[in-house]
Amino acid sequence: MSKLSAARLKVKNDSLVDEFNASIHFDKRLYRHDIRGSIAHAEMLASCGILTAEEAEAIKDGLLAVLGEIESGGFVFRTEDEDIHMAVEKRMTEIVGSVGGKLHTARSRNDQVAVDVRMYLREETEVIAGYMAELVKTLTDKAEKHLGVLMPGYTHLQTAQPVLVSHWLMAYVQMFRRDYGRMTDCAERMNFSPLGSGALAGTTFPVNRDMTAEKLGFTAPTENSMDSVSDRDFALEFLSAAAICQMHLSRFSEELIIFSTSEFAFIDLSDDFCTGSSIMPQKKNPDMPELIRGKTGRMYGNLVSLLTTMKGLPLAYNKDMQEDKEPLFDSVDTIKASLRIFIPMIEKMGINAEKMTKAAKLGFSTATDLADYLVRKGMPFREAHHIVGSAVAFALDKRVDISELTIDELKSFSEKIDDDIYSYITPEASVSSRKAKGGTAGESVKAQIESARKFLDEVL
C-alpha cells in the first residue's frame, strides 16, 4: 500500500526524505494511546451517525487486532509508514478492508498526536508523582529514625550552625513535596482533549467532542481548535517540573557524594548502590549520585530544546513540533529512573551519628548563639556580632572552640557575659533553642515530620 497521505505528490519521496521525516522509530511508544484514542473516535462517529454501528465495530476489532500484534511482538514498524498513527491505521485497514479508511473522518493527525501525547504524559505524571511521594516517605522515615542526631549545617560549604540530621533530611522533604505539587498541577492542566479539532479549524461533521473526552478520561474538550493542535505548553510544563525535581535530586546527590568521602564520613552509601575502581581496590565510588547529578544537564537541555523549537512557530501545526517527543520521552525515562534509584538508596543509606555529632562541635558553629545571648542582654546585634568575631579570632589563636574559653576569657570581650553562657553555646543547646516554626529544634522537626505524614496519608 502506498503512503496514506501521499496522493497529492507526483513524485515519490526520496528515501533520504522518508528516513528524515519518519518519527515511527520513537513515537511507536504511543501505540496504546493511539489505539485507545482511535477506538473512542470510532465509537463517537457511530453514536453521531457518521459511521454505522457495524462499521465502528469492525474498525474497533481491527484496532484491537493491531494492539495484539504489537504487544506480541509480531508487528513490523516500517520507516515508510512515517509515524505510529499511519502505521496503526494502515495495518488496521489491511485487516478489516476499505471500511478502515473511514476511521479518519473528522480528525487529523494534528489532533490525533496531540491527544496521544496528552494521554501518554498524563499516565506518566501519575507514575512519577507516585515515586516522588515514595521518596518523601523514605526521607521522613529516615528523619524520624535519626531524630536526635546532630550535624553541622553549612553556608558556602563552611560550618555555619549545628542542626539535627532530621532537619537536613526534612529540607529535602519540603522540596520533593513541592515537586509533587508541580507534577500533579501539570497533570491537571494537560487533562483536556484536543481530539476532534481537526487540522486547525475544527470539522464540518456533527461530532461529539464531549463524548470522546469523557471516554478517554479527560476533564473536558479543549476550547479552541487552533490552540489544541499548535501548542505544547503542557509538555513544556512537564519538562520544567521534571527538570526542577532533577535539580533537587542533583543537589542532594552532591551532598551525598561529599558526605560519603573519607574526610567527612557522615554517611555510608550501601554497596549495592556503588561501584568499585578498575585499578584501586580500596575504592567505593558513589556512581549513582554522580550519574543523577550528571543527567540533570540533559533534563535542562530537553526543556530548552522544546522551548527553542516552539519559540518562533506561527499557528497552527508545523512539522517542527515532531521534535517534541524525543526530549519529552527522554525526560520521562530519566526522571523515573533517577527517582527509582534514589528511593532505595536513601532507605539503605547509613548515618554515622558519632562522626556527625563530633563535626557539629567544630568550626565555631555556636558563635551565633553567643551573639544572640548578648542581644538578649540588651546589646545591639551589630555590636554583638563584632564582639563575637573578636572572640572567635582569639579562640582560633588558642586553637580551641569558643565553648572551651574560660569565663574570664569570655568576660574580657564583654561584661554582659555571665557563668550561664555555657548553657547557650553547646551544639545541643544551640539546636534545642531554635524552636520557632521551621527551626531545627527537636519539637519543630517533629512538627515537620507530622506535616509530612499528613501529606503522605492524602497521596499514598
Protein backbone atom coordinates (compact mmCIF):
# COMPACT_ATOMS: atom_id res chain seq x y z
CA MET A 1 0.00 0.00 0.00
CA SER A 2 1.29 3.49 -0.82
CA LYS A 3 1.53 6.20 1.79
CA LEU A 4 -1.91 7.21 3.04
CA SER A 5 -1.00 10.90 2.81
CA ALA A 6 0.89 10.97 -0.50
CA ALA A 7 -1.86 11.29 -3.14
CA ARG A 8 -1.11 14.98 -3.83
CA LEU A 9 2.54 14.32 -4.67
CA LYS A 10 3.51 13.48 -8.26
CA VAL A 11 6.98 12.24 -7.41
CA LYS A 12 7.75 9.61 -4.82
CA ASN A 13 9.75 10.83 -1.85
CA ASP A 14 13.47 10.28 -1.91
CA SER A 15 14.49 7.57 0.53
CA LEU A 16 16.51 10.14 2.44
CA VAL A 17 13.34 12.18 2.91
CA ASP A 18 11.46 9.15 4.17
CA GLU A 19 14.16 8.45 6.73
CA PHE A 20 14.48 12.09 7.83
CA ASN A 21 10.73 12.65 8.01
CA ALA A 22 9.81 9.48 9.90
CA SER A 23 9.03 9.50 13.63
CA ILE A 24 7.83 5.90 13.80
CA HIS A 25 11.01 4.66 15.46
CA PHE A 26 10.46 6.80 18.55
CA ASP A 27 6.74 7.65 18.60
CA LYS A 28 5.84 3.95 18.48
CA ARG A 29 5.76 4.05 22.29
CA LEU A 30 2.42 5.89 21.87
CA TYR A 31 0.74 2.86 20.29
CA ARG A 32 -1.61 2.08 23.21
CA HIS A 33 -2.76 5.66 23.47
CA ASP A 34 -3.17 5.96 19.71
CA ILE A 35 -5.32 2.84 19.52
CA ARG A 36 -7.36 3.83 22.56
CA GLY A 37 -8.00 7.27 21.04
CA SER A 38 -8.98 5.74 17.71
CA ILE A 39 -11.46 3.36 19.36
CA ALA A 40 -13.09 6.26 21.21
CA HIS A 41 -13.21 8.25 17.98
CA ALA A 42 -14.85 5.38 16.06
CA GLU A 43 -17.46 4.86 18.81
CA MET A 44 -18.23 8.58 18.79
CA LEU A 45 -18.58 8.64 15.00
CA ALA A 46 -21.09 5.79 15.25
CA SER A 47 -23.08 7.49 18.01
CA CYS A 48 -23.32 10.61 15.81
CA GLY A 49 -24.49 8.62 12.76
CA ILE A 50 -21.31 9.28 10.81
CA LEU A 51 -20.42 5.57 10.88
CA THR A 52 -22.79 2.65 11.20
CA ALA A 53 -22.57 0.54 14.33
CA GLU A 54 -21.25 -2.34 12.19
CA GLU A 55 -18.53 -0.17 10.64
CA ALA A 56 -17.42 1.09 14.03
CA GLU A 57 -17.35 -2.43 15.45
CA ALA A 58 -15.26 -3.70 12.53
CA ILE A 59 -12.80 -0.83 12.98
CA LYS A 60 -12.62 -1.48 16.71
CA ASP A 61 -11.95 -5.18 16.13
CA GLY A 62 -9.20 -4.28 13.66
CA LEU A 63 -7.59 -1.86 16.09
CA LEU A 64 -7.61 -4.46 18.85
CA ALA A 65 -6.03 -6.93 16.45
CA VAL A 66 -3.26 -4.42 15.74
CA LEU A 67 -2.81 -3.92 19.50
CA GLY A 68 -2.41 -7.66 19.92
CA GLU A 69 0.18 -7.82 17.15
CA ILE A 70 2.23 -5.01 18.65
CA GLU A 71 2.16 -6.42 22.16
CA SER A 72 3.02 -9.92 20.99
CA GLY A 73 5.99 -8.61 19.01
CA GLY A 74 4.54 -9.58 15.65
CA PHE A 75 4.05 -6.05 14.34
CA VAL A 76 6.71 -4.68 11.98
CA PHE A 77 7.41 -0.95 12.32
CA ARG A 78 8.44 0.39 8.92
CA THR A 79 10.07 3.72 8.10
CA GLU A 80 7.73 4.19 5.14
CA ASP A 81 4.73 4.24 7.47
CA GLU A 82 6.13 7.53 8.79
CA ASP A 83 4.53 7.60 12.25
CA ILE A 84 2.56 5.47 14.71
CA HIS A 85 -0.77 6.89 13.53
CA MET A 86 -0.23 5.89 9.92
CA ALA A 87 1.25 2.53 10.89
CA VAL A 88 -1.75 1.57 13.03
CA GLU A 89 -4.33 2.81 10.55
CA LYS A 90 -2.62 1.14 7.61
CA ARG A 91 -2.40 -2.24 9.34
CA MET A 92 -5.96 -1.97 10.67
CA THR A 93 -7.22 -1.29 7.14
CA GLU A 94 -5.32 -4.30 5.82
CA ILE A 95 -7.14 -6.41 8.40
CA VAL A 96 -10.71 -5.06 8.03
CA GLY A 97 -10.70 -3.79 4.45
CA SER A 98 -11.74 -0.45 3.00
CA VAL A 99 -14.04 0.37 5.92
CA GLY A 100 -10.87 1.09 7.85
CA GLY A 101 -10.42 4.21 5.76
CA LYS A 102 -13.50 5.73 7.41
CA LEU A 103 -11.77 5.95 10.80
CA HIS A 104 -10.00 9.18 9.91
CA THR A 105 -13.25 11.01 9.26
CA ALA A 106 -13.47 14.27 11.27
CA ARG A 107 -9.93 14.16 12.58
CA SER A 108 -6.36 14.97 11.53
CA ARG A 109 -3.03 13.62 12.59
CA ASN A 110 -2.62 17.02 14.24
CA ASP A 111 -5.32 16.45 16.85
CA GLN A 112 -4.53 12.72 16.91
CA VAL A 113 -0.94 13.21 18.03
CA ALA A 114 -1.94 15.93 20.46
CA VAL A 115 -4.39 13.61 22.23
CA ASP A 116 -1.93 10.70 22.18
CA VAL A 117 0.83 12.72 23.83
CA ARG A 118 -1.54 14.12 26.45
CA MET A 119 -2.77 10.65 27.37
CA TYR A 120 0.77 9.31 27.48
CA LEU A 121 2.04 12.15 29.62
CA ARG A 122 -0.98 12.09 31.90
CA GLU A 123 -0.24 8.43 32.62
CA GLU A 124 3.47 9.05 33.20
CA THR A 125 2.95 12.03 35.51
CA GLU A 126 0.86 9.82 37.77
CA VAL A 127 3.68 7.28 37.98
CA ILE A 128 6.33 9.97 38.54
CA ALA A 129 4.28 11.72 41.23
CA GLY A 130 3.93 8.36 42.95
CA TYR A 131 7.71 7.96 43.02
CA MET A 132 8.04 11.47 44.45
CA ALA A 133 5.63 10.59 47.25
CA GLU A 134 7.57 7.39 47.96
CA LEU A 135 10.78 9.40 48.23
CA VAL A 136 9.10 11.79 50.67
CA LYS A 137 8.06 8.79 52.76
CA THR A 138 11.56 7.30 52.72
CA LEU A 139 13.13 10.59 53.79
CA THR A 140 10.52 11.14 56.50
CA ASP A 141 11.10 7.65 57.89
CA LYS A 142 14.86 8.26 57.90
CA ALA A 143 14.42 11.63 59.62
CA GLU A 144 12.22 10.14 62.32
CA LYS A 145 14.67 7.30 62.94
CA HIS A 146 17.61 9.69 63.49
CA LEU A 147 15.74 12.47 65.27
CA GLY A 148 18.31 13.17 67.99
CA VAL A 149 21.47 13.19 65.86
CA LEU A 150 23.39 16.46 65.40
CA MET A 151 25.33 17.58 62.34
CA PRO A 152 26.93 20.81 61.16
CA GLY A 153 24.81 22.99 58.91
CA TYR A 154 26.63 24.84 56.15
CA THR A 155 26.51 28.01 54.15
CA HIS A 156 29.13 28.47 51.41
CA LEU A 157 30.08 24.89 52.40
CA GLN A 158 31.59 26.38 55.56
CA THR A 159 30.42 25.34 59.02
CA ALA A 160 27.60 27.68 59.99
CA GLN A 161 25.31 26.39 62.77
CA PRO A 162 24.54 22.99 64.25
CA VAL A 163 21.32 21.32 63.11
CA LEU A 164 19.61 18.00 63.50
CA VAL A 165 20.27 15.44 60.79
CA SER A 166 16.49 15.12 60.64
CA HIS A 167 16.22 18.84 59.86
CA TRP A 168 18.60 18.40 56.92
CA LEU A 169 16.58 15.45 55.60
CA MET A 170 13.27 17.25 56.07
CA ALA A 171 14.57 20.17 53.98
CA TYR A 172 14.58 17.80 51.02
CA VAL A 173 11.14 16.52 52.01
CA GLN A 174 9.82 20.05 51.50
CA MET A 175 11.46 20.27 48.08
CA PHE A 176 10.06 16.96 46.90
CA ARG A 177 6.61 17.82 48.24
CA ARG A 178 6.65 20.93 46.06
CA ASP A 179 7.87 18.82 43.14
CA TYR A 180 4.89 16.54 43.72
CA GLY A 181 2.59 19.56 43.63
CA ARG A 182 4.10 20.86 40.40
CA MET A 183 3.76 17.45 38.76
CA THR A 184 0.13 16.95 39.79
CA ASP A 185 -0.78 20.53 38.85
CA CYS A 186 0.79 19.94 35.45
CA ALA A 187 -1.30 16.78 35.01
CA GLU A 188 -4.48 18.66 35.88
CA ARG A 189 -3.86 21.35 33.26
CA MET A 190 -2.97 18.90 30.50
CA ASN A 191 -6.13 16.84 31.04
CA PHE A 192 -8.21 18.38 28.24
CA SER A 193 -8.91 16.58 24.99
CA PRO A 194 -7.90 18.09 21.63
CA LEU A 195 -9.48 15.21 19.69
CA GLY A 196 -11.98 16.50 17.12
CA SER A 197 -10.13 19.76 16.49
CA GLY A 198 -9.09 18.54 13.06
CA ALA A 199 -6.08 20.08 11.35
CA LEU A 200 -6.73 23.50 12.92
CA ALA A 201 -10.22 24.81 12.10
CA GLY A 202 -12.45 22.11 13.54
CA THR A 203 -14.63 19.80 11.45
CA THR A 204 -17.78 20.11 9.36
CA PHE A 205 -19.10 16.80 10.74
CA PRO A 206 -21.52 16.82 13.70
CA VAL A 207 -19.08 15.24 16.14
CA ASN A 208 -19.48 14.97 19.91
CA ARG A 209 -16.17 16.05 21.41
CA ASP A 210 -17.56 15.82 24.92
CA MET A 211 -18.17 12.12 24.34
CA THR A 212 -14.60 11.36 23.27
CA ALA A 213 -13.21 13.50 26.10
CA GLU A 214 -15.26 11.52 28.62
CA LYS A 215 -14.37 8.15 27.10
CA LEU A 216 -10.67 8.98 27.27
CA GLY A 217 -10.80 10.24 30.84
CA PHE A 218 -10.33 13.93 30.12
CA THR A 219 -11.92 16.71 32.15
CA ALA A 220 -13.41 18.30 29.01
CA PRO A 221 -12.57 19.07 25.37
CA THR A 222 -10.17 21.90 24.64
CA GLU A 223 -11.92 25.16 23.73
CA ASN A 224 -10.04 26.41 20.66
CA SER A 225 -9.14 24.15 17.75
CA MET A 226 -6.08 26.16 16.67
CA ASP A 227 -4.66 26.19 20.18
CA SER A 228 -5.47 22.50 20.54
CA VAL A 229 -3.14 21.35 17.78
CA SER A 230 -0.47 24.04 17.78
CA ASP A 231 0.78 24.32 21.36
CA ARG A 232 2.88 22.08 23.53
CA ASP A 233 2.83 24.13 26.71
CA PHE A 234 1.56 21.09 28.61
CA ALA A 235 4.72 19.23 27.58
CA LEU A 236 6.88 22.23 28.44
CA GLU A 237 5.27 22.45 31.86
CA PHE A 238 6.06 18.80 32.45
CA LEU A 239 9.65 19.26 31.28
CA SER A 240 10.01 22.22 33.64
CA ALA A 241 8.57 20.34 36.61
CA ALA A 242 10.76 17.33 35.86
CA ALA A 243 13.89 19.48 35.47
CA ILE A 244 13.24 21.21 38.81
CA CYS A 245 12.84 17.85 40.54
CA GLN A 246 16.01 16.57 38.88
CA MET A 247 17.79 19.69 40.13
CA HIS A 248 16.73 18.83 43.68
CA LEU A 249 17.96 15.27 43.20
CA SER A 250 21.23 16.64 41.86
CA ARG A 251 21.78 18.95 44.85
CA PHE A 252 21.04 16.08 47.20
CA SER A 253 23.39 13.86 45.20
CA GLU A 254 26.17 16.43 45.55
CA GLU A 255 25.81 16.33 49.33
CA LEU A 256 25.73 12.54 49.37
CA ILE A 257 28.92 12.47 47.33
CA ILE A 258 30.67 14.93 49.67
CA PHE A 259 29.33 13.42 52.89
CA SER A 260 30.42 9.91 51.83
CA THR A 261 34.08 10.90 51.38
CA SER A 262 36.59 9.64 53.95
CA GLU A 263 37.19 13.25 55.01
CA PHE A 264 33.55 13.71 56.00
CA ALA A 265 32.35 10.12 56.52
CA PHE A 266 28.94 11.40 57.61
CA ILE A 267 27.05 8.79 55.61
CA ASP A 268 27.65 5.38 54.13
CA LEU A 269 26.02 4.51 50.83
CA SER A 270 25.08 0.85 50.58
CA ASP A 271 27.44 -1.26 48.50
CA ASP A 272 24.68 -2.21 46.07
CA PHE A 273 24.36 1.45 45.02
CA CYS A 274 28.10 1.99 44.49
CA THR A 275 30.80 0.65 42.18
CA GLY A 276 34.45 -0.29 42.56
CA SER A 277 37.52 1.04 40.82
CA SER A 278 39.17 -0.76 37.92
CA ILE A 279 42.61 -0.04 39.36
CA MET A 280 42.29 0.99 43.04
CA PRO A 281 40.92 -1.93 45.05
CA GLN A 282 40.03 0.16 48.13
CA LYS A 283 37.61 2.43 46.30
CA LYS A 284 33.83 2.55 46.70
CA ASN A 285 32.58 5.09 44.20
CA PRO A 286 29.21 6.90 44.57
CA ASP A 287 28.38 6.39 40.90
CA MET A 288 24.59 6.53 41.31
CA PRO A 289 24.53 10.05 42.81
CA GLU A 290 27.14 11.09 40.26
CA LEU A 291 25.03 9.81 37.37
CA ILE A 292 21.92 11.51 38.70
CA ARG A 293 23.89 14.74 39.03
CA GLY A 294 25.21 14.24 35.50
CA LYS A 295 21.82 13.50 33.97
CA THR A 296 20.49 16.83 35.23
CA GLY A 297 22.18 18.56 32.31
CA ARG A 298 20.22 16.55 29.76
CA MET A 299 16.98 17.35 31.62
CA TYR A 300 17.73 21.07 31.33
CA GLY A 301 18.68 20.53 27.69
CA ASN A 302 15.39 18.80 26.92
CA LEU A 303 13.44 21.73 28.34
CA VAL A 304 15.48 24.31 26.45
CA SER A 305 15.28 22.20 23.29
CA LEU A 306 11.48 22.25 23.18
CA LEU A 307 11.28 25.90 24.25
CA THR A 308 13.57 26.72 21.34
CA THR A 309 11.58 24.57 18.93
CA MET A 310 8.35 26.35 19.85
CA LYS A 311 9.60 29.93 20.18
CA GLY A 312 9.05 31.10 16.58
CA LEU A 313 6.30 28.85 15.22
CA PRO A 314 3.31 30.51 13.56
CA LEU A 315 -0.12 28.99 14.18
CA ALA A 316 -1.13 26.30 13.70
CA TYR A 317 0.72 22.98 13.32
CA ASN A 318 4.27 22.87 11.94
CA LYS A 319 6.43 19.80 11.34
CA ASP A 320 8.98 21.26 13.78
CA MET A 321 6.65 20.06 16.53
CA GLN A 322 7.58 16.47 15.75
CA GLU A 323 10.74 17.36 17.68
CA ASP A 324 8.73 17.44 20.94
CA LYS A 325 8.74 13.71 21.50
CA GLU A 326 12.37 12.69 21.85
CA PRO A 327 13.21 15.24 24.58
CA LEU A 328 9.89 14.50 26.25
CA PHE A 329 10.38 10.74 26.23
CA ASP A 330 13.98 11.11 27.42
CA SER A 331 12.95 13.31 30.35
CA VAL A 332 10.20 10.89 31.34
CA ASP A 333 12.66 8.00 31.31
CA THR A 334 15.38 9.95 33.13
CA ILE A 335 13.29 11.33 36.00
CA LYS A 336 11.65 7.95 36.56
CA ALA A 337 14.99 6.15 36.64
CA SER A 338 16.52 8.75 38.96
CA LEU A 339 13.66 8.61 41.45
CA ARG A 340 13.56 4.81 41.37
CA ILE A 341 17.26 4.71 42.24
CA PHE A 342 17.04 7.38 44.91
CA ILE A 343 14.29 5.78 46.99
CA PRO A 344 16.11 2.54 47.96
CA MET A 345 19.49 4.32 48.00
CA ILE A 346 18.25 6.67 50.75
CA GLU A 347 16.44 3.86 52.53
CA LYS A 348 19.68 1.84 52.79
CA MET A 349 21.95 4.82 53.49
CA GLY A 350 23.81 4.63 56.80
CA ILE A 351 24.10 7.65 59.13
CA ASN A 352 27.37 7.99 61.04
CA ALA A 353 25.89 9.66 64.13
CA GLU A 354 29.16 9.82 66.07
CA LYS A 355 31.09 11.50 63.24
CA MET A 356 28.29 13.96 62.51
CA THR A 357 27.86 14.94 66.15
CA LYS A 358 31.59 15.44 66.54
CA ALA A 359 31.69 17.61 63.41
CA ALA A 360 28.78 19.70 64.73
CA LYS A 361 31.07 20.84 67.58
CA LEU A 362 33.77 22.10 65.22
CA GLY A 363 34.11 25.30 63.25
CA PHE A 364 32.66 27.64 65.92
CA SER A 365 29.18 26.57 64.94
CA THR A 366 27.64 28.17 68.04
CA ALA A 367 29.10 31.65 67.52
CA THR A 368 25.68 32.99 66.51
CA ASP A 369 24.30 31.68 69.80
CA LEU A 370 26.82 33.78 71.71
CA ALA A 371 25.76 36.83 69.70
CA ASP A 372 22.08 36.08 70.41
CA TYR A 373 22.94 35.74 74.12
CA LEU A 374 24.43 39.25 74.15
CA VAL A 375 21.41 40.64 72.27
CA ARG A 376 19.12 39.22 74.93
CA LYS A 377 21.26 41.11 77.43
CA GLY A 378 20.36 44.35 75.65
CA MET A 379 23.28 44.71 73.22
CA PRO A 380 22.58 45.76 69.61
CA PHE A 381 23.14 42.81 67.26
CA ARG A 382 25.80 44.55 65.17
CA GLU A 383 27.86 45.24 68.29
CA ALA A 384 27.36 41.67 69.47
CA HIS A 385 28.41 40.40 66.04
CA HIS A 386 31.68 42.35 66.28
CA ILE A 387 32.42 41.15 69.80
CA VAL A 388 31.82 37.50 68.92
CA GLY A 389 34.01 37.83 65.85
CA SER A 390 36.83 39.05 68.10
CA ALA A 391 36.23 36.15 70.49
CA VAL A 392 36.40 33.67 67.60
CA ALA A 393 39.69 35.17 66.41
CA PHE A 394 41.06 34.81 69.96
CA ALA A 395 39.90 31.17 70.17
CA LEU A 396 41.48 30.44 66.78
CA ASP A 397 44.80 31.68 68.07
CA LYS A 398 44.44 29.37 71.08
CA ARG A 399 43.27 26.53 68.81
CA VAL A 400 40.19 25.89 70.93
CA ASP A 401 36.45 26.16 70.37
CA ILE A 402 34.61 29.18 71.72
CA SER A 403 32.88 26.95 74.27
CA GLU A 404 36.32 25.96 75.59
CA LEU A 405 37.31 29.52 76.55
CA THR A 406 37.31 30.24 80.28
CA ILE A 407 34.70 32.54 81.74
CA ASP A 408 37.35 35.18 82.38
CA GLU A 409 38.47 35.00 78.78
CA LEU A 410 34.90 35.41 77.60
CA LYS A 411 34.25 38.28 80.01
CA SER A 412 37.23 40.07 78.55
CA PHE A 413 35.14 40.66 75.46
CA SER A 414 32.00 41.81 77.31
CA GLU A 415 30.98 42.21 80.94
CA LYS A 416 27.47 41.11 79.92
CA ILE A 417 28.73 37.53 79.69
CA ASP A 418 27.95 35.54 82.85
CA ASP A 419 28.56 31.99 84.03
CA ASP A 420 25.33 30.82 82.38
CA ILE A 421 26.86 31.33 78.93
CA TYR A 422 27.94 27.68 78.70
CA SER A 423 24.30 26.54 78.71
CA TYR A 424 23.80 28.51 75.48
CA ILE A 425 26.86 27.79 73.39
CA THR A 426 26.95 24.00 73.22
CA PRO A 427 25.69 22.46 69.94
CA GLU A 428 22.90 20.68 71.85
CA ALA A 429 21.73 23.93 73.44
CA SER A 430 22.00 25.75 70.13
CA VAL A 431 19.79 23.22 68.38
CA SER A 432 17.20 22.93 71.16
CA SER A 433 16.83 26.73 71.39
CA ARG A 434 15.67 27.10 67.80
CA LYS A 435 12.03 26.31 68.50
CA ALA A 436 10.42 28.79 66.12
CA LYS A 437 8.25 27.16 63.48
CA GLY A 438 10.50 25.66 60.82
CA GLY A 439 13.54 25.67 63.09
CA THR A 440 15.89 22.80 63.87
CA ALA A 441 14.80 22.15 67.47
CA GLY A 442 13.51 18.64 68.06
CA GLU A 443 9.90 19.71 68.64
CA SER A 444 9.94 21.80 65.47
CA VAL A 445 11.33 18.94 63.39
CA LYS A 446 8.71 16.60 64.88
CA ALA A 447 6.06 19.04 63.66
CA GLN A 448 7.61 18.91 60.18
CA ILE A 449 7.51 15.11 60.28
CA GLU A 450 3.87 15.18 61.37
CA SER A 451 3.05 17.51 58.48
CA ALA A 452 4.79 15.15 56.06
CA ARG A 453 2.82 12.20 57.46
CA LYS A 454 -0.45 14.05 56.82
CA PHE A 455 0.64 14.76 53.27
CA LEU A 456 1.52 11.12 52.74
CA ASP A 457 -1.83 9.98 54.16
CA GLU A 458 -3.51 12.09 51.47
CA VAL A 459 -1.43 10.98 48.49
CA LEU A 460 -0.45 7.36 49.14
